[in-house]
């Protein structure tokens, strides 16, 4: 991710891209140019602080927040500002304008793309976008705000020069060839209409260069905003070694290098720690509930001692009475446990779906069968032992 701004000497350029292509560890790579705020850069900086590879002092904190907000707080924006609107210009939002090349498609997992609208699809949408100079893929958020329902409808994009206060804007009509609620590598493609401001409009790299009047277009010193790459070896050790090599090789350039594998591992480790903590809390809650069950059953048996005496006088043996109350307590515990599991699972699914709406993340719901098995076995074991101790005391009564 380029951090050098408009300075060619300290920025990632096409010359850097050509050098990276010659590295044997890189499987494929693609580039992207954009005029939008880059949340990925801020997340990468925050991740470095969380891992301890960077020091979180006052200056670094200010740098982190400026990384997040400098796009909108900068006194002078050099790249064109793009507004997307419907044809009558009734509804208008500021869009994140993005240009990609066809090699970018080889670096992403097409199964992670969320398509919306009839006719949208990987082959059709990207082929149309890359082959024509008046086609684009827009986010579902912008589509809903502008009332675009289907592929083939047109929108108007207006390009403003931020350094010219009286610029009337250059208006260009684009045909929508895809509507997406999520594309890997860009936060701009979301579903909620509340996220329309800053939503993504993706075009081919050639159209981006032409419309945004990119300096040194096609030359070795053309500045590149992002380079996406896949490695042959995706192990954590190789990724860290590769990142260190890149930092050493290009120590004169200002950039942020980010990777998905380590962040996935970090999230998995955090999830495992949270699951373990919640499972311990769950087990303590179950144990406390079992003690309540045992005390309740003991009170019930005290109230039913005359019934037990009648059963004993009719020939029922002590172990038969003990088994009768054990079975009754197990039925009560298992039925309440199963009902609690069903209600808890349904509540967790509702929470997951609601959080996915807010966070714009896909719903990935799974039932922790191993946790359920451990908790039920623990509950049954403690329940049987506790009830057996109570029943032994009861069986010794006259």
Protein backbone atom coordinates (compact mmCIF):
# COMPACT_ATOMS: atom_id res chain seq x y z
CA UNK A 1 0.00 0.00 0.00
CA UNK A 2 1.62 3.24 -1.13
CA UNK A 3 2.39 5.77 1.60
CA UNK A 4 4.56 8.07 -0.45
CA UNK A 5 1.78 10.35 -1.65
CA UNK A 6 2.58 12.14 -4.89
CA UNK A 7 6.35 11.88 -4.50
CA UNK A 8 7.72 9.50 -7.12
CA UNK A 9 11.02 9.08 -5.27
CA UNK A 10 9.36 7.58 -2.16
CA UNK A 11 6.30 5.91 -3.72
CA UNK A 12 5.49 2.53 -5.19
CA UNK A 13 5.64 2.76 -8.98
CA UNK A 14 5.28 0.57 -12.03
CA UNK A 15 9.02 0.04 -11.87
CA UNK A 16 8.52 -1.50 -8.40
CA UNK A 17 5.81 -3.72 -9.86
CA UNK A 18 8.09 -4.98 -12.62
CA UNK A 19 10.77 -5.83 -10.06
CA UNK A 20 8.27 -7.75 -7.93
CA UNK A 21 7.17 -9.78 -10.95
CA UNK A 22 10.65 -11.24 -11.20
CA UNK A 23 10.54 -12.68 -7.65
CA UNK A 24 10.18 -16.44 -7.60
CA UNK A 25 8.04 -16.61 -4.45
CA UNK A 26 5.21 -14.55 -5.99
CA UNK A 27 2.54 -16.57 -7.76
CA UNK A 28 0.55 -13.68 -9.27
CA UNK A 29 -0.05 -10.01 -8.60
CA UNK A 30 -2.33 -7.20 -9.71
CA UNK A 31 -2.55 -3.47 -9.15
CA UNK A 32 -5.27 -1.01 -8.24
CA UNK A 33 -5.57 2.77 -8.34
CA UNK A 34 -8.17 4.58 -6.25
CA UNK A 35 -9.17 7.97 -4.89
CA UNK A 36 -10.80 6.70 -1.71
CA UNK A 37 -9.85 6.44 1.94
CA UNK A 38 -7.92 3.23 2.65
CA UNK A 39 -9.13 1.55 5.83
CA UNK A 40 -6.89 -1.44 5.12
CA UNK A 41 -3.83 0.73 5.70
CA UNK A 42 -5.15 1.84 9.07
CA UNK A 43 -5.98 -1.75 10.05
CA UNK A 44 -2.49 -2.85 9.07
CA UNK A 45 -0.99 -0.14 11.27
CA UNK A 46 -3.26 -1.11 14.17
CA UNK A 47 -2.28 -4.76 13.71
CA UNK A 48 1.42 -3.89 13.93
CA UNK A 49 0.76 -2.11 17.22
CA UNK A 50 -1.22 -5.07 18.58
CA UNK A 51 1.60 -7.46 17.64
CA UNK A 52 4.22 -5.28 19.28
CA UNK A 53 6.19 -4.68 16.09
CA UNK A 54 5.52 -0.95 16.43
CA UNK A 55 5.60 1.28 19.52
CA UNK A 56 2.29 2.88 20.49
CA UNK A 57 3.47 6.29 21.70
CA UNK A 58 1.82 9.67 21.24
CA UNK A 59 3.31 10.34 17.82
CA UNK A 60 2.42 6.87 16.54
CA UNK A 61 -1.12 7.23 17.88
CA UNK A 62 -1.53 10.52 16.05
CA UNK A 63 -0.10 8.89 12.93
CA UNK A 64 -2.60 6.02 13.20
CA UNK A 65 -5.59 8.35 13.49
CA UNK A 66 -4.28 10.59 10.74
CA UNK A 67 -3.96 7.48 8.59
CA UNK A 68 -7.65 6.78 9.11
CA UNK A 69 -8.98 10.30 8.68
CA UNK A 70 -6.41 12.16 6.60
CA UNK A 71 -8.29 11.45 3.37
CA UNK A 72 -11.20 13.65 4.43
CA UNK A 73 -9.24 16.12 6.59
CA UNK A 74 -6.52 16.89 4.09
CA UNK A 75 -6.46 20.54 3.15
CA UNK A 76 -5.55 19.75 -0.41
CA UNK A 77 -6.73 16.63 -2.22
CA UNK A 78 -4.81 16.01 -5.39
CA UNK A 79 -6.97 13.28 -6.95
CA UNK A 80 -10.27 14.03 -8.62
CA UNK A 81 -13.39 13.77 -6.48
CA UNK A 82 -16.04 11.53 -8.05
CA UNK A 83 -19.77 11.87 -7.46
CA UNK A 84 -22.22 9.16 -8.54
CA UNK A 85 -25.82 10.06 -9.31
CA UNK A 86 -28.85 8.90 -11.22
CA UNK A 87 -29.47 10.33 -14.67
CA UNK A 88 -31.73 13.22 -13.49
CA UNK A 89 -29.14 13.97 -10.76
CA UNK A 90 -31.85 13.71 -8.10
CA UNK A 91 -29.77 11.53 -5.74
CA UNK A 92 -26.03 12.04 -5.55
CA UNK A 93 -23.27 10.55 -3.37
CA UNK A 94 -19.51 10.82 -3.27
CA UNK A 95 -18.07 7.56 -4.57
CA UNK A 96 -14.81 5.73 -4.11
CA UNK A 97 -13.49 5.45 -7.66
CA UNK A 98 -11.34 2.35 -8.23
CA UNK A 99 -9.42 1.07 -11.22
CA UNK A 100 -8.10 -2.49 -11.54
CA UNK A 101 -6.33 -4.52 -14.19
CA UNK A 102 -7.27 -8.01 -15.33
CA UNK A 103 -4.40 -9.53 -13.33
CA UNK A 104 -6.14 -8.40 -10.14
CA UNK A 105 -8.85 -11.00 -10.80
CA UNK A 106 -6.26 -13.78 -10.42
CA UNK A 107 -5.35 -12.64 -6.90
CA UNK A 108 -8.83 -12.82 -5.33
CA UNK A 109 -11.11 -15.70 -4.42
CA UNK A 110 -14.14 -15.32 -6.66
CA UNK A 111 -16.25 -17.29 -4.18
CA UNK A 112 -15.92 -14.41 -1.70
CA UNK A 113 -17.55 -11.89 -4.05
CA UNK A 114 -21.15 -11.09 -3.15
CA UNK A 115 -23.23 -10.38 -6.25
CA UNK A 116 -26.60 -8.63 -6.22
CA UNK A 117 -29.03 -7.86 -8.97
CA UNK A 118 -30.12 -9.95 -11.93
CA UNK A 119 -27.33 -10.49 -14.45
CA UNK A 120 -24.40 -9.80 -12.14
CA UNK A 121 -21.67 -12.44 -12.19
CA UNK A 122 -17.93 -12.89 -12.23
CA UNK A 123 -17.43 -13.65 -15.92
CA UNK A 124 -19.98 -11.24 -17.37
CA UNK A 125 -19.46 -8.28 -15.04
CA UNK A 126 -15.67 -8.19 -15.11
CA UNK A 127 -15.40 -8.99 -18.82
CA UNK A 128 -17.79 -6.17 -19.69
CA UNK A 129 -16.05 -3.78 -17.32
CA UNK A 130 -12.58 -4.49 -18.70
CA UNK A 131 -13.55 -4.49 -22.39
CA UNK A 132 -15.56 -1.24 -22.60
CA UNK A 133 -14.76 2.33 -21.62
CA UNK A 134 -18.25 3.21 -20.35
CA UNK A 135 -18.98 0.29 -18.02
CA UNK A 136 -18.59 -0.05 -14.25
CA UNK A 137 -19.36 -2.26 -11.27
CA UNK A 138 -21.02 -0.43 -8.37
CA UNK A 139 -21.67 -1.33 -4.76
CA UNK A 140 -25.14 -2.41 -3.70
CA UNK A 141 -25.19 0.54 -1.31
CA UNK A 142 -24.90 3.01 -4.20
CA UNK A 143 -27.33 0.99 -6.31
CA UNK A 144 -30.00 1.15 -3.61
CA UNK A 145 -29.44 4.87 -3.04
CA UNK A 146 -29.67 5.68 -6.75
CA UNK A 147 -32.52 3.26 -7.45
CA UNK A 148 -30.49 0.98 -9.75
CA UNK A 149 -32.19 -2.42 -9.71
CA UNK A 150 -30.76 -4.37 -12.64
CA UNK A 151 -27.65 -4.68 -14.72
CA UNK A 152 -27.75 -2.51 -17.85
CA UNK A 153 -29.06 0.67 -16.26
CA UNK A 154 -27.00 3.85 -16.49
CA UNK A 155 -25.62 6.23 -13.90
CA UNK A 156 -23.77 9.51 -14.19
CA UNK A 157 -20.32 10.09 -12.75
CA UNK A 158 -19.08 13.64 -12.26
CA UNK A 159 -15.37 14.29 -11.84
CA UNK A 160 -14.35 17.41 -9.90
CA UNK A 161 -10.88 18.89 -9.63
CA UNK A 162 -10.44 19.61 -5.89
CA UNK A 163 -7.84 22.28 -6.65
CA UNK A 164 -10.33 24.26 -8.73
CA UNK A 165 -13.10 25.71 -6.55
CA UNK A 166 -15.22 26.72 -9.56
CA UNK A 167 -14.84 23.46 -11.45
CA UNK A 168 -18.30 22.56 -12.89
CA UNK A 169 -17.24 18.93 -13.19
CA UNK A 170 -16.81 16.54 -16.08
CA UNK A 171 -19.98 14.44 -16.48
CA UNK A 172 -19.72 10.94 -17.95
CA UNK A 173 -22.47 8.34 -18.32
CA UNK A 174 -21.64 4.77 -17.34
CA UNK A 175 -23.51 1.53 -17.89
CA UNK A 176 -23.76 -0.68 -14.79
CA UNK A 177 -22.57 -4.22 -15.59
CA UNK A 178 -22.45 -5.54 -12.03
CA UNK A 179 -23.81 -4.82 -8.55
CA UNK A 180 -21.77 -6.18 -5.66
CA UNK A 181 -22.20 -6.23 -1.90
CA UNK A 182 -18.60 -7.28 -1.28
CA UNK A 183 -15.34 -7.56 -3.25
CA UNK A 184 -12.13 -8.75 -1.52
CA UNK A 185 -9.54 -6.04 -1.09
CA UNK A 186 -11.94 -3.08 -0.97
CA UNK A 187 -14.12 -1.93 1.92
CA UNK A 188 -16.19 0.29 -0.39
CA UNK A 189 -18.46 -2.50 -1.64
CA UNK A 190 -21.17 -2.90 0.98
CA UNK A 191 -24.89 -3.59 1.06
CA UNK A 192 -26.53 -1.06 3.36
CA UNK A 193 -27.76 2.13 1.73
CA UNK A 194 -26.42 3.98 4.78
CA UNK A 195 -22.92 3.18 3.46
CA UNK A 196 -23.59 4.70 0.04
CA UNK A 197 -21.37 7.72 0.69
CA UNK A 198 -17.91 6.45 -0.17
CA UNK A 199 -19.32 3.36 -1.88
CA UNK A 200 -17.31 1.75 -4.63
CA UNK A 201 -17.42 2.34 -8.37
CA UNK A 202 -14.98 0.01 -10.13
CA UNK A 203 -13.71 0.45 -13.68
CA UNK A 204 -10.81 -0.86 -15.74
CA UNK A 205 -7.36 0.51 -15.03
CA UNK A 206 -7.21 2.14 -18.46
CA UNK A 207 -10.46 4.02 -17.86
CA UNK A 208 -9.30 5.13 -14.42
CA UNK A 209 -6.04 6.51 -15.85
CA UNK A 210 -7.94 8.32 -18.61
CA UNK A 211 -10.67 9.82 -16.45
CA UNK A 212 -8.52 10.67 -13.42
CA UNK A 213 -5.72 12.19 -15.54
CA UNK A 214 -3.04 10.08 -13.85
CA UNK A 215 0.48 11.46 -14.12
CA UNK A 216 3.09 9.48 -16.08
CA UNK A 217 0.39 7.10 -17.31
CA UNK A 218 1.84 3.76 -18.36
CA UNK A 219 5.40 4.81 -17.60
CA UNK A 220 7.77 3.17 -15.15
CA UNK A 221 7.44 6.12 -12.77
CA UNK A 222 3.63 6.00 -12.62
CA UNK A 223 2.59 5.82 -8.95
CA UNK A 224 0.59 2.72 -7.94
CA UNK A 225 -1.77 2.90 -4.96
CA UNK A 226 -1.95 -0.82 -4.23
CA UNK A 227 -0.28 -4.03 -5.31
CA UNK A 228 -2.09 -7.29 -4.52
CA UNK A 229 -0.10 -10.50 -4.60
CA UNK A 230 -0.39 -14.20 -3.86
CA UNK A 231 2.56 -16.31 -2.79
CA UNK A 232 3.23 -19.93 -3.69
CA UNK A 233 3.98 -20.78 -0.07
CA UNK A 234 1.30 -19.31 2.19
CA UNK A 235 2.77 -20.49 5.47
CA UNK A 236 3.11 -17.91 8.21
CA UNK A 237 6.89 -18.33 8.38
CA UNK A 238 7.32 -17.71 4.66
CA UNK A 239 4.97 -14.70 4.75
CA UNK A 240 6.92 -13.06 7.58
CA UNK A 241 10.22 -13.76 5.83
CA UNK A 242 8.86 -12.32 2.58
CA UNK A 243 7.63 -9.16 4.34
CA UNK A 244 11.03 -8.66 5.96
CA UNK A 245 12.73 -9.09 2.59
CA UNK A 246 10.43 -6.52 0.97
CA UNK A 247 11.06 -4.00 3.74
CA UNK A 248 14.80 -4.48 3.42
CA UNK A 249 14.81 -4.36 -0.38
CA UNK A 250 12.75 -1.19 -0.61
CA UNK A 251 13.72 0.62 2.58
CA UNK A 252 13.90 3.92 0.69
CA UNK A 253 10.18 3.78 -0.20
CA UNK A 254 7.23 4.66 2.03
CA UNK A 255 4.69 1.85 2.03
CA UNK A 256 2.63 -0.43 4.26
CA UNK A 257 2.81 -4.16 3.60
CA UNK A 258 -0.17 -6.13 4.82
CA UNK A 259 -1.20 -9.76 4.67
CA UNK A 260 -4.39 -11.67 5.34
CA UNK A 261 -2.96 -14.94 6.68
CA UNK A 262 -1.58 -13.51 9.93
CA UNK A 263 -4.77 -11.57 10.59
CA UNK A 264 -6.87 -14.69 10.04
CA UNK A 265 -4.66 -16.53 12.52
CA UNK A 266 -4.97 -13.65 15.00
CA UNK A 267 -8.76 -13.70 14.77
CA UNK A 268 -8.83 -17.48 15.13
CA UNK A 269 -6.63 -17.31 18.25
CA UNK A 270 -8.83 -14.58 19.74
CA UNK A 271 -11.92 -16.64 18.97
CA UNK A 272 -10.43 -19.73 20.59
CA UNK A 273 -9.53 -17.79 23.74
CA UNK A 274 -13.00 -16.28 23.96
CA UNK A 275 -14.62 -19.67 23.38
CA UNK A 276 -12.51 -21.27 26.11
CA UNK A 277 -13.36 -18.48 28.56
CA UNK A 278 -17.08 -18.65 27.77
CA UNK A 279 -17.03 -22.44 28.06
CA UNK A 280 -15.52 -22.22 31.55
CA UNK A 281 -18.21 -19.70 32.52
CA UNK A 282 -20.84 -21.99 31.04
CA UNK A 283 -19.58 -24.99 33.00
CA UNK A 284 -19.61 -23.05 36.27
CA UNK A 285 -23.15 -21.90 35.50
CA UNK A 286 -24.20 -25.48 34.80
CA UNK A 287 -22.59 -26.76 38.01
CA UNK A 288 -24.39 -24.09 40.05
CA UNK A 289 -27.65 -25.03 38.33
CA UNK A 290 -27.05 -28.72 39.10
CA UNK A 291 -26.60 -27.93 42.79
CA UNK A 292 -29.95 -26.17 42.62
CA UNK A 293 -31.45 -29.24 40.96
CA UNK A 294 -30.02 -31.56 43.62
CA UNK A 295 -31.33 -29.40 46.46
CA UNK A 296 -34.75 -29.23 44.80
CA UNK A 297 -34.85 -33.00 44.34
CA UNK A 298 -33.79 -33.48 47.97
CA UNK A 299 -36.67 -31.27 49.11
CA UNK A 300 -39.07 -33.18 46.87
CA UNK A 301 -37.90 -36.51 48.30
CA UNK A 302 -38.37 -35.23 51.86
CA UNK A 303 -41.92 -34.27 50.97
CA UNK A 304 -42.54 -37.66 49.36
CA UNK A 305 -41.10 -39.79 52.19
CA UNK A 306 -44.51 -41.31 53.01
CA UNK A 307 -44.92 -42.26 49.32
CA UNK A 308 -41.47 -43.84 49.42
CA UNK A 309 -42.40 -45.72 52.62
CA UNK A 310 -45.54 -47.12 50.99
CA UNK A 311 -43.50 -48.26 47.96
CA UNK A 312 -40.93 -49.89 50.24
CA UNK A 313 -43.65 -51.65 52.26
CA UNK A 314 -45.08 -53.03 49.00
CA UNK A 315 -41.73 -54.71 48.28
CA UNK A 316 -39.80 -52.06 46.29
CA UNK A 317 -36.12 -52.42 47.10
CA UNK A 318 -33.78 -49.53 48.01
CA UNK A 319 -31.95 -49.60 44.69
CA UNK A 320 -35.31 -49.47 42.87
CA UNK A 321 -36.27 -46.30 44.72
CA UNK A 322 -32.81 -44.86 44.06
CA UNK A 323 -33.03 -45.62 40.32
CA UNK A 324 -36.52 -44.13 40.15
CA UNK A 325 -35.34 -40.76 41.49
CA UNK A 326 -32.13 -40.89 39.43
CA UNK A 327 -34.13 -41.36 36.24
CA UNK A 328 -36.53 -38.58 37.23
CA UNK A 329 -33.68 -36.13 37.92
CA UNK A 330 -31.89 -37.08 34.68
CA UNK A 331 -35.08 -36.55 32.64
CA UNK A 332 -35.55 -33.14 34.26
CA UNK A 333 -31.91 -32.14 33.68
CA UNK A 334 -31.69 -33.38 30.09
CA UNK A 335 -35.02 -31.89 29.04
CA UNK A 336 -34.11 -28.50 30.49
CA UNK A 337 -30.62 -28.73 28.94
CA UNK A 338 -31.98 -29.58 25.51
CA UNK A 339 -34.54 -26.80 25.68
CA UNK A 340 -31.85 -24.35 26.77
CA UNK A 341 -29.61 -25.48 23.92
CA UNK A 342 -32.37 -24.96 21.36
CA UNK A 343 -33.28 -21.52 22.70
CA UNK A 344 -29.61 -20.51 23.00
CA UNK A 345 -28.79 -21.68 19.47
CA UNK A 346 -31.73 -19.77 18.02
CA UNK A 347 -30.76 -16.64 19.97
CA UNK A 348 -27.14 -16.97 18.79
CA UNK A 349 -28.29 -17.27 15.18
CA UNK A 350 -30.41 -14.12 15.51
CA UNK A 351 -27.44 -12.28 17.05
CA UNK A 352 -25.12 -13.46 14.27
CA UNK A 353 -27.49 -12.36 11.50
CA UNK A 354 -28.09 -8.97 13.11
CA UNK A 355 -24.35 -8.41 13.59
CA UNK A 356 -23.73 -9.34 9.96
CA UNK A 357 -26.19 -6.67 8.87
CA UNK A 358 -24.37 -4.06 10.93
CA UNK A 359 -20.82 -5.18 10.12
CA UNK A 360 -21.49 -6.06 6.45
CA UNK A 361 -19.86 -9.45 7.02
CA UNK A 362 -21.16 -12.78 5.71
CA UNK A 363 -23.15 -15.02 8.06
CA UNK A 364 -21.00 -17.98 9.09
CA UNK A 365 -22.95 -19.88 11.75
CA UNK A 366 -21.79 -23.14 13.28
CA UNK A 367 -22.91 -25.13 16.31
CA UNK A 368 -20.04 -26.05 18.72
CA UNK A 369 -20.84 -29.74 19.08
CA UNK A 370 -17.65 -30.44 21.05
CA UNK A 371 -18.58 -27.81 23.65
CA UNK A 372 -22.12 -29.16 23.92
CA UNK A 373 -20.82 -32.70 24.38
CA UNK A 374 -18.36 -31.69 27.10
CA UNK A 375 -20.94 -29.65 29.00
CA UNK A 376 -23.59 -32.38 28.82
CA UNK A 377 -21.16 -35.09 29.97
CA UNK A 378 -20.03 -32.88 32.85
CA UNK A 379 -23.63 -32.14 33.78
CA UNK A 380 -24.68 -35.80 33.71
CA UNK A 381 -21.63 -36.86 35.71
CA UNK A 382 -22.07 -34.27 38.47
CA UNK A 383 -25.85 -34.81 38.48
CA UNK A 384 -25.55 -38.57 38.96
CA UNK A 385 -22.91 -38.24 41.69
CA UNK A 386 -24.86 -35.54 43.55
CA UNK A 387 -28.17 -37.37 43.36
CA UNK A 388 -26.55 -40.66 44.34
CA UNK A 389 -25.09 -39.08 47.52
CA UNK A 390 -28.51 -37.64 48.41
CA UNK A 391 -30.26 -40.96 47.75
CA UNK A 392 -27.78 -42.93 49.86
CA UNK A 393 -28.65 -40.69 52.81
CA UNK A 394 -32.35 -41.11 52.06
CA UNK A 395 -32.14 -44.90 51.77
CA UNK A 396 -30.72 -45.16 55.30
CA UNK A 397 -33.90 -43.67 56.80
CA UNK A 398 -36.50 -45.94 58.44
